[in-house]
Structure formats: C-alpha cells, structure tokens
C-alpha cells in the first residue's frame, strides 16, 4: 500500500485517487507499460520540497515510485526521465488545490522479488544493424521457403509505413553465423508475423521462432496460407492471407499493431509518426496521412511532431491530401488529450 504522510497539505491525501485516474487513462490509451507501473508500484510523497513564500505561498511536493523489477526492466533507461516527467505533467493537470502542485516524480526499482515474467528490453540502438531506423516497429517474419517472395513483398510494403522487418533468407549476410543473427533479431523484435503454410510446423526453426515469441510475451500475428493456427498460437485471431498482396497484409499488420496489442500500440504510433516525417514522395505522404487517420489518441509530443512535420519536409508541405486532412487529425487528437 502507498505510504503517504499527510500534514497540513491537501494533495498528499488525494494522491491515491489522482494516480488511479491517470492509471486508468493510460490503460484506455493502450500505454501498457505506464498502466502497469502506476497500478503495481508503491510510492511515497515528500511534502513541500519546493516552497515559494510569495503571497500565500506555493508548495511543491515530490512523489517517489518504487517500481517492481519486472516492470522496471521494461523501461528503456534513456526514456526513464521522460516517463517520470509525463507522470508529473498528468498529475498536475488533475490537482485543483490552490497553492499546491507536484514538483517532481522519481522512479527506482524496488527490492521486491520478481513475481512476473521478465523480458529485458534492449535499447533501440541495440541490434540496429539488423533493423535500421530505431523509431520503427520491429517485425520478425517467420516463414517457409515457398513463401519467401511474399515475405519480401510484405517487408517492402511495411517499410513504407514505419515497420522494419527481419526476413531471414535475405537479411543475413552470407558471412554471418545464421543462428546467431536470428537469435539477435528475436531478442529485439516487437512482434512476430507467422506465415502459416501447410508445412510450417514441420520446420523446427519456424516452430521455435514462434515458441520464443510466445515465451517472451511478444505478440504473434498468424497469417493463414493454407494452415490454421495451432497449439498456443491458436489463441490469436488469424489474418486471411490467401490471394492477398504484400501491401494488403502490411496494412493489416499496421491496423493490428495499433489496435489489438497493448505492447505494440505506442511503438507503432511512434513509428508511423516518424515515417510520416520522412515521407519521400507525395504518394507516400498521401498513404501515410490515411494511415494516421486510424489513430484515436497520441501523446502530446507525437502530436507536436505531426504538426511540425510539413515545415521540415516539402513532400508533406506541398501534398494536397496532407493539407486537407492533417488539420482535422490534429484537432481530433488534441481534443482527445484535453478530455
């Protein structure tokens, strides 16, 4: 239970409620990591660490979170300060007590034993030689040789919408140790796409790839190409892949990563905004602005990046569809933040 020592101030006694509100908001927005952190951490509050005696006096309190190790290990260390600042900002939006505010939020790992599954998350710079752009979502494509052409088509289409794909037969240099490169890709993937052909399960490699993803709690997207999902992967809703192009399947992956899985939603949102910023043609800008219309909510920093993108890229600034659609998208996203 939270340890809150309330003195003559009002905010400390309200903190449990305030944290509960922003935790619920994070869960609804699909921010799985922040939702878990707020719901599972203990915290203390240090009163009046900042005080301005001018007038009636304004006091700022500090909140210190002790985060379970299995949750803390999912945080990118480089993003820890930004996450704490985001919590501070959201809490202050809810504080209505005159002359009181939250001046600081800090987070540190607790000494509690690990009670849940742990998958250490590498930094986005780790294994970037395999994946390329560090802001893109990382998709491992597990497949048999007979659908390698389709796998390559999916990879090419995904790159246009902010998804970097690892396809073993073409992404491994001839001089590299094959198994090591596959292991590196699996350790740093955000999701796995399984192209289920009738003989998919006859390969030890493809079954092991899927098994690794399931064990690491990495989302699996099964695509039916003559084979229904089986075993543990059978719990995932399959995508119909017969007679569909690589581009159609890439668009389906995008929608699934935005809507179905909590642990891909924020990464896919960031990737899509980053890809929009770097659009290479009017046609790509048009496709990306339509993809962005699928998003219901975005953090403030990503909305700001969307708004600024046309000023830094002439392919966006001069694209008619961007000029027509982007203002409506921005207005809707900012309204969602305000609510």
Protein backbone atom coordinates (compact mmCIF):
# COMPACT_ATOMS: atom_id res chain seq x y z
CA UNK A 1 0.00 0.00 0.00
CA UNK A 2 1.21 3.51 -0.67
CA UNK A 3 2.91 5.26 2.24
CA UNK A 4 1.62 8.84 2.26
CA UNK A 5 2.34 11.15 5.19
CA UNK A 6 -0.17 13.98 5.04
CA UNK A 7 0.49 17.06 7.15
CA UNK A 8 -1.15 20.41 6.64
CA UNK A 9 -1.38 19.92 2.88
CA UNK A 10 -4.29 18.55 0.88
CA UNK A 11 -2.64 16.98 -2.18
CA UNK A 12 -0.88 14.10 -0.32
CA UNK A 13 -4.20 12.70 0.88
CA UNK A 14 -5.57 12.88 -2.68
CA UNK A 15 -2.62 11.19 -4.33
CA UNK A 16 -4.04 7.66 -4.37
CA UNK A 17 -7.10 8.90 -6.27
CA UNK A 18 -5.04 11.03 -8.68
CA UNK A 19 -2.70 8.17 -9.54
CA UNK A 20 -5.69 5.87 -10.04
CA UNK A 21 -7.20 8.32 -12.53
CA UNK A 22 -4.07 8.65 -14.66
CA UNK A 23 -3.50 4.88 -14.47
CA UNK A 24 -6.98 4.31 -15.87
CA UNK A 25 -6.34 6.89 -18.56
CA UNK A 26 -3.06 5.19 -19.52
CA UNK A 27 -4.80 1.81 -19.75
CA UNK A 28 -7.52 3.22 -22.02
CA UNK A 29 -4.90 4.80 -24.28
CA UNK A 30 -3.08 1.49 -24.62
CA UNK A 31 0.01 2.63 -22.69
CA UNK A 32 0.59 -0.81 -21.20
CA UNK A 33 3.93 -0.08 -19.54
CA UNK A 34 2.71 3.10 -17.82
CA UNK A 35 -0.53 1.38 -16.81
CA UNK A 36 1.38 -1.47 -15.13
CA UNK A 37 3.84 0.92 -13.48
CA UNK A 38 1.15 3.08 -11.90
CA UNK A 39 -1.02 0.16 -10.79
CA UNK A 40 1.74 -2.04 -9.37
CA UNK A 41 4.23 0.41 -7.85
CA UNK A 42 4.30 1.66 -4.27
CA UNK A 43 5.07 5.30 -3.64
CA UNK A 44 5.87 7.89 -1.00
CA UNK A 45 5.33 11.62 -1.10
CA UNK A 46 7.75 14.20 0.25
CA UNK A 47 5.89 17.35 1.18
CA UNK A 48 6.96 20.89 0.32
CA UNK A 49 10.30 20.09 -1.26
CA UNK A 50 9.79 23.40 -3.06
CA UNK A 51 8.20 26.41 -1.44
CA UNK A 52 7.64 29.93 -2.70
CA UNK A 53 6.77 32.17 0.23
CA UNK A 54 5.48 34.98 -2.01
CA UNK A 55 1.88 35.86 -1.20
CA UNK A 56 0.01 32.94 0.28
CA UNK A 57 2.90 30.61 -0.50
CA UNK A 58 3.03 27.83 -3.10
CA UNK A 59 4.29 24.38 -2.17
CA UNK A 60 5.52 21.66 -4.48
CA UNK A 61 5.59 18.00 -3.41
CA UNK A 62 7.81 15.18 -4.71
CA UNK A 63 6.50 11.67 -5.42
CA UNK A 64 8.88 8.71 -5.32
CA UNK A 65 7.77 5.47 -7.02
CA UNK A 66 9.23 2.08 -6.14
CA UNK A 67 8.70 0.00 -9.27
CA UNK A 68 8.57 -3.84 -9.30
CA UNK A 69 11.71 -5.17 -11.03
CA UNK A 70 9.81 -7.00 -13.79
CA UNK A 71 8.12 -3.70 -14.71
CA UNK A 72 11.24 -1.57 -14.33
CA UNK A 73 13.20 -3.83 -16.68
CA UNK A 74 10.73 -3.00 -19.46
CA UNK A 75 11.66 0.69 -19.28
CA UNK A 76 14.26 2.00 -21.70
CA UNK A 77 16.76 3.71 -19.38
CA UNK A 78 17.08 6.61 -21.81
CA UNK A 79 13.31 7.17 -21.54
CA UNK A 80 13.08 6.99 -17.74
CA UNK A 81 13.29 10.74 -17.16
CA UNK A 82 10.72 11.45 -19.87
CA UNK A 83 8.34 8.89 -18.36
CA UNK A 84 8.66 10.48 -14.91
CA UNK A 85 8.09 13.94 -16.39
CA UNK A 86 4.97 12.71 -18.19
CA UNK A 87 3.54 11.37 -14.92
CA UNK A 88 4.30 14.71 -13.22
CA UNK A 89 2.55 16.62 -16.00
CA UNK A 90 -0.54 14.41 -15.93
CA UNK A 91 -0.86 14.54 -12.16
CA UNK A 92 -0.65 18.34 -12.16
CA UNK A 93 -3.48 18.51 -14.69
CA UNK A 94 -5.69 16.92 -12.02
CA UNK A 95 -4.50 18.90 -8.99
CA UNK A 96 -7.10 21.53 -8.11
CA UNK A 97 -5.80 22.52 -4.67
CA UNK A 98 -4.79 26.15 -4.58
CA UNK A 99 -1.10 26.80 -3.89
CA UNK A 100 -0.09 23.15 -4.16
CA UNK A 101 1.42 21.18 -7.05
CA UNK A 102 3.66 18.20 -7.74
CA UNK A 103 7.18 19.40 -8.46
CA UNK A 104 8.88 16.09 -9.24
CA UNK A 105 8.32 12.39 -9.81
CA UNK A 106 11.17 9.92 -9.45
CA UNK A 107 11.25 6.20 -10.17
CA UNK A 108 13.56 3.48 -8.94
CA UNK A 109 13.46 -0.29 -8.92
CA UNK A 110 12.17 -1.83 -5.71
CA UNK A 111 13.88 -4.63 -3.82
CA UNK A 112 10.81 -6.84 -4.08
CA UNK A 113 11.35 -10.31 -5.59
CA UNK A 114 10.46 -10.78 -9.24
CA UNK A 115 6.91 -12.17 -9.39
CA UNK A 116 6.13 -11.94 -13.11
CA UNK A 117 7.70 -12.77 -16.46
CA UNK A 118 10.68 -10.63 -17.40
CA UNK A 119 11.86 -9.85 -20.88
CA UNK A 120 14.70 -7.31 -20.69
CA UNK A 121 14.02 -4.75 -23.40
CA UNK A 122 17.16 -3.72 -25.31
CA UNK A 123 17.67 -0.11 -26.22
CA UNK A 124 16.52 0.85 -29.70
CA UNK A 125 20.17 1.28 -30.67
CA UNK A 126 20.88 -2.36 -29.83
CA UNK A 127 20.87 -4.55 -32.96
CA UNK A 128 20.08 -1.51 -35.14
CA UNK A 129 22.36 -3.02 -37.79
CA UNK A 130 19.62 -5.62 -38.30
CA UNK A 131 16.64 -3.29 -38.17
CA UNK A 132 17.66 0.14 -39.42
CA UNK A 133 15.65 3.13 -38.17
CA UNK A 134 15.49 2.98 -34.37
CA UNK A 135 11.99 4.51 -34.20
CA UNK A 136 10.35 1.95 -36.48
CA UNK A 137 8.42 -1.04 -35.16
CA UNK A 138 10.42 -4.28 -35.48
CA UNK A 139 8.60 -7.23 -37.09
CA UNK A 140 10.17 -10.69 -37.38
CA UNK A 141 8.69 -12.66 -40.29
CA UNK A 142 8.71 -16.41 -39.71
CA UNK A 143 8.11 -18.37 -42.92
CA UNK A 144 8.99 -21.37 -45.06
CA UNK A 145 10.94 -21.07 -48.30
CA UNK A 146 7.95 -21.42 -50.62
CA UNK A 147 6.54 -18.06 -49.49
CA UNK A 148 9.80 -16.13 -49.44
CA UNK A 149 8.61 -13.91 -52.29
CA UNK A 150 5.51 -12.91 -50.31
CA UNK A 151 7.65 -12.35 -47.20
CA UNK A 152 9.87 -9.98 -49.17
CA UNK A 153 6.85 -8.14 -50.56
CA UNK A 154 5.46 -7.70 -47.04
CA UNK A 155 8.83 -6.38 -45.89
CA UNK A 156 8.98 -3.80 -48.67
CA UNK A 157 5.40 -2.65 -48.05
CA UNK A 158 5.91 -2.48 -44.28
CA UNK A 159 8.93 -0.21 -44.63
CA UNK A 160 6.70 2.43 -46.25
CA UNK A 161 4.56 2.62 -43.10
CA UNK A 162 7.23 2.57 -40.39
CA UNK A 163 7.72 -1.17 -39.85
CA UNK A 164 11.19 -2.71 -40.20
CA UNK A 165 11.07 -6.43 -40.99
CA UNK A 166 13.60 -9.19 -40.48
CA UNK A 167 13.31 -11.88 -43.16
CA UNK A 168 15.98 -14.48 -42.52
CA UNK A 169 16.75 -15.55 -46.07
CA UNK A 170 17.65 -12.03 -47.20
CA UNK A 171 18.58 -10.20 -44.01
CA UNK A 172 21.53 -12.38 -43.04
CA UNK A 173 24.87 -11.72 -44.70
CA UNK A 174 26.50 -14.88 -46.14
CA UNK A 175 29.47 -14.47 -43.80
CA UNK A 176 27.38 -14.11 -40.65
CA UNK A 177 26.57 -17.03 -38.41
CA UNK A 178 22.99 -17.81 -39.33
CA UNK A 179 21.67 -18.91 -35.96
CA UNK A 180 23.28 -16.01 -34.08
CA UNK A 181 21.68 -13.44 -36.36
CA UNK A 182 18.24 -15.00 -35.97
CA UNK A 183 18.65 -15.01 -32.18
CA UNK A 184 19.65 -11.33 -32.22
CA UNK A 185 16.58 -10.47 -34.27
CA UNK A 186 14.27 -12.43 -31.97
CA UNK A 187 15.73 -10.81 -28.86
CA UNK A 188 14.99 -7.33 -30.20
CA UNK A 189 11.72 -7.81 -32.13
CA UNK A 190 8.49 -6.04 -31.19
CA UNK A 191 6.16 -8.57 -32.88
CA UNK A 192 6.29 -11.73 -34.97
CA UNK A 193 4.40 -12.44 -38.19
CA UNK A 194 3.94 -16.17 -38.87
CA UNK A 195 3.13 -17.08 -42.49
CA UNK A 196 1.32 -20.36 -41.86
CA UNK A 197 1.73 -22.66 -44.84
CA UNK A 198 0.67 -26.35 -44.58
CA UNK A 199 4.21 -27.48 -43.77
CA UNK A 200 5.01 -24.61 -41.39
CA UNK A 201 5.06 -26.86 -38.33
CA UNK A 202 7.40 -29.38 -39.99
CA UNK A 203 10.28 -26.95 -39.59
CA UNK A 204 11.98 -26.89 -36.20
CA UNK A 205 13.13 -23.34 -36.88
CA UNK A 206 9.72 -21.79 -37.54
CA UNK A 207 8.11 -23.51 -34.57
CA UNK A 208 10.99 -22.44 -32.33
CA UNK A 209 10.70 -18.86 -33.56
CA UNK A 210 7.02 -18.78 -32.68
CA UNK A 211 7.69 -20.52 -29.38
CA UNK A 212 10.33 -17.96 -28.46
CA UNK A 213 7.88 -15.13 -29.17
CA UNK A 214 5.15 -16.71 -27.06
CA UNK A 215 7.54 -17.35 -24.17
CA UNK A 216 8.82 -13.77 -24.28
CA UNK A 217 5.24 -12.41 -24.45
CA UNK A 218 5.90 -10.89 -27.87
CA UNK A 219 2.68 -10.51 -29.91
CA UNK A 220 2.24 -13.09 -32.67
CA UNK A 221 0.26 -12.32 -35.81
CA UNK A 222 -0.63 -15.56 -37.66
CA UNK A 223 -1.41 -15.38 -41.38
CA UNK A 224 -3.38 -18.29 -42.84
CA UNK A 225 -1.82 -19.53 -46.07
CA UNK A 226 -3.43 -22.97 -46.12
CA UNK A 227 -2.82 -23.69 -42.43
CA UNK A 228 -4.96 -22.69 -39.44
CA UNK A 229 -3.17 -21.52 -36.28
CA UNK A 230 -2.37 -24.45 -33.99
CA UNK A 231 -1.10 -25.05 -30.49
CA UNK A 232 -0.63 -21.99 -28.28
CA UNK A 233 -0.68 -19.66 -31.28
CA UNK A 234 -4.26 -20.81 -31.90
CA UNK A 235 -5.46 -18.26 -29.34
CA UNK A 236 -4.52 -15.44 -31.70
CA UNK A 237 -7.00 -14.32 -34.32
CA UNK A 238 -5.59 -15.22 -37.72
CA UNK A 239 -5.32 -12.99 -40.76
CA UNK A 240 -6.54 -14.46 -44.04
CA UNK A 241 -3.56 -14.43 -46.37
CA UNK A 242 -4.73 -16.32 -49.42
CA UNK A 243 -4.83 -14.24 -52.61
CA UNK A 244 -3.71 -11.08 -50.81
CA UNK A 245 -0.78 -8.89 -51.74
CA UNK A 246 2.16 -7.99 -49.57
CA UNK A 247 0.84 -4.43 -49.35
CA UNK A 248 -2.60 -5.57 -48.17
CA UNK A 249 -1.03 -7.75 -45.49
CA UNK A 250 1.28 -4.93 -44.40
CA UNK A 251 -1.75 -2.65 -43.91
CA UNK A 252 -3.39 -5.39 -41.83
CA UNK A 253 -0.27 -5.66 -39.67
CA UNK A 254 -0.37 -1.89 -39.13
CA UNK A 255 -4.01 -1.98 -38.01
CA UNK A 256 -3.39 -4.93 -35.67
CA UNK A 257 -0.32 -3.32 -34.06
CA UNK A 258 -2.31 -0.13 -33.47
CA UNK A 259 -5.47 -1.76 -32.13
CA UNK A 260 -5.03 -5.33 -30.91
CA UNK A 261 -1.88 -5.41 -28.78
CA UNK A 262 -1.11 -3.04 -25.91
CA UNK A 263 2.63 -3.65 -26.16
CA UNK A 264 2.84 -2.66 -29.84
CA UNK A 265 0.43 0.28 -29.84
CA UNK A 266 2.75 3.03 -28.59
CA UNK A 267 5.69 1.72 -30.63
CA UNK A 268 3.56 1.64 -33.79
CA UNK A 269 2.27 5.15 -33.12
CA UNK A 270 5.82 6.48 -32.81
CA UNK A 271 6.91 4.57 -35.91
CA UNK A 272 4.05 5.90 -38.02
CA UNK A 273 4.75 9.50 -36.99
CA UNK A 274 8.46 9.03 -37.70
CA UNK A 275 7.70 7.59 -41.13
CA UNK A 276 5.33 10.47 -41.88
CA UNK A 277 8.07 12.96 -41.00
CA UNK A 278 10.35 11.25 -43.52
CA UNK A 279 7.87 10.75 -46.37
CA UNK A 280 9.76 10.53 -49.65
CA UNK A 281 7.02 11.39 -52.15
CA UNK A 282 3.56 12.91 -52.47
CA UNK A 283 2.13 9.42 -52.97
CA UNK A 284 3.71 8.15 -49.77
CA UNK A 285 2.55 11.25 -47.87
CA UNK A 286 -1.00 10.53 -49.08
CA UNK A 287 -0.83 6.90 -47.93
CA UNK A 288 0.63 7.84 -44.54
CA UNK A 289 -1.91 10.56 -43.77
CA UNK A 290 -4.66 8.00 -44.39
CA UNK A 291 -2.94 5.56 -42.04
CA UNK A 292 -2.68 8.27 -39.37
CA UNK A 293 -6.46 8.68 -39.51
CA UNK A 294 -6.70 5.24 -37.86
CA UNK A 295 -5.19 6.61 -34.62
CA UNK A 296 -7.61 7.78 -31.91
CA UNK A 297 -5.10 9.12 -29.38
CA UNK A 298 -1.46 10.19 -29.32
CA UNK A 299 0.82 11.61 -26.63
CA UNK A 300 1.33 15.36 -26.81
CA UNK A 301 4.91 15.08 -28.06
CA UNK A 302 3.86 13.00 -31.06
CA UNK A 303 1.02 15.36 -31.90
CA UNK A 304 3.54 18.21 -31.83
CA UNK A 305 5.80 16.25 -34.17
CA UNK A 306 2.92 15.65 -36.57
CA UNK A 307 2.07 19.33 -36.64
CA UNK A 308 5.68 20.35 -37.30
CA UNK A 309 6.38 17.68 -39.93
CA UNK A 310 5.26 19.65 -43.04
CA UNK A 311 7.57 22.55 -42.19
CA UNK A 312 10.56 20.21 -42.44
CA UNK A 313 9.54 18.12 -45.47
CA UNK A 314 8.40 19.60 -48.78
CA UNK A 315 6.79 16.29 -49.76
CA UNK A 316 4.35 16.86 -46.90
CA UNK A 317 4.05 20.63 -47.15
CA UNK A 318 3.01 20.52 -50.80
CA UNK A 319 0.87 17.36 -50.65
CA UNK A 320 -2.81 18.21 -51.16
CA UNK A 321 -4.09 15.30 -49.05
CA UNK A 322 -1.86 16.34 -46.15
CA UNK A 323 -3.06 19.94 -46.37
CA UNK A 324 -6.66 18.75 -46.40
CA UNK A 325 -6.58 16.01 -43.77
CA UNK A 326 -3.85 16.92 -41.27
CA UNK A 327 -5.64 19.87 -39.59
CA UNK A 328 -8.66 17.64 -38.84
CA UNK A 329 -6.43 14.89 -37.47
CA UNK A 330 -4.55 17.35 -35.24
CA UNK A 331 -7.77 18.91 -33.92
CA UNK A 332 -9.20 15.47 -33.07
CA UNK A 333 -6.02 14.30 -31.33
CA UNK A 334 -5.67 17.49 -29.28
CA UNK A 335 -9.31 17.21 -28.25
CA UNK A 336 -8.67 13.65 -27.05
CA UNK A 337 -5.73 14.89 -24.95
CA UNK A 338 -7.86 17.65 -23.43
CA UNK A 339 -10.52 15.13 -22.40
